[in-house]
Protein backbone atom coordinates (compact mmCIF):
# COMPACT_ATOMS: atom_id res chain seq x y z
CA MET A 1 0.12 0.05 0.00
CA ILE A 2 2.74 2.39 0.79
CA LYS A 3 4.54 1.36 -2.34
CA LYS A 4 1.26 2.44 -4.34
CA TYR A 5 0.94 5.93 -2.82
CA ARG A 6 4.59 6.54 -3.21
CA LYS A 7 4.55 5.57 -6.81
CA LYS A 8 1.37 7.48 -7.23
CA LEU A 9 3.36 10.63 -6.18
CA GLY A 10 6.36 9.90 -8.34
CA ILE A 11 8.60 9.63 -5.16
CA THR A 12 11.83 7.45 -5.16
CA GLN A 13 12.21 5.12 -2.04
CA GLU A 14 15.44 7.23 -1.41
CA LYS A 15 13.51 10.42 -1.30
CA LEU A 16 10.68 9.06 0.88
CA ALA A 17 13.18 7.72 3.11
CA GLU A 18 14.96 11.00 3.41
CA LEU A 19 11.52 12.63 4.04
CA LEU A 20 10.64 10.24 6.79
CA ASP A 21 14.17 10.39 8.39
CA ILE A 22 14.64 6.68 8.08
CA SER A 23 17.08 4.44 5.78
CA PRO A 24 16.04 3.30 2.42
CA ARG A 25 16.76 -0.14 3.62
CA GLN A 26 14.19 0.40 6.50
CA LEU A 27 11.48 1.64 3.96
CA GLN A 28 11.96 -1.17 1.85
CA ARG A 29 11.25 -3.39 4.70
CA ILE A 30 8.32 -1.54 5.52
CA GLU A 31 6.83 -1.50 1.99
CA ASN A 32 7.50 -5.33 1.69
CA GLY A 33 5.64 -6.00 5.23
CA SER A 34 8.74 -7.50 6.56
CA SER A 35 9.17 -4.63 9.44
CA GLU A 36 6.90 -3.02 11.61
CA THR A 37 6.29 0.86 11.36
CA SER A 38 6.92 3.28 14.56
CA LEU A 39 4.06 5.27 15.18
CA LYS A 40 6.34 8.37 14.45
CA THR A 41 7.18 7.02 10.87
CA LEU A 42 3.40 6.14 10.50
CA LYS A 43 2.28 9.56 11.09
CA LYS A 44 4.88 11.11 8.91
CA LEU A 45 4.00 8.43 6.08
CA ILE A 46 0.21 9.60 6.37
CA LYS A 47 0.95 13.16 6.11
CA VAL A 48 3.62 12.89 3.31
CA LEU A 49 1.77 10.54 1.00
CA ASP A 50 -1.89 11.78 1.88
CA ILE A 51 -2.89 8.26 2.78
CA SER A 52 -6.69 7.59 3.21
CA ASP A 53 -8.33 6.59 6.55
CA GLU A 54 -9.09 3.31 4.98
CA ASP A 55 -5.90 2.36 3.54
CA ILE A 56 -4.15 3.11 6.83
CA VAL A 57 -7.11 0.84 8.81
CA GLU A 58 -6.07 -1.94 6.24
CA PHE A 59 -2.44 -1.29 6.67
CA LEU A 60 -2.70 -1.46 10.40
CA LYS A 61 -4.45 -4.88 10.15
CA LYS A 62 -1.64 -6.50 8.62
């Protein structure tokens, strides 16, 4: 879901990682679902990518 929003906005993983103040590798893990997201990073993701409430609920269910 994060990858979908990132690509929709035309943002690279490296740029999004920079905006979130995390490593590109950490962002890759979050996108692949192999790492959990901190609340701080999740809040930044919602703001930067303008993620819908419905998609956030789906993302948190995983």
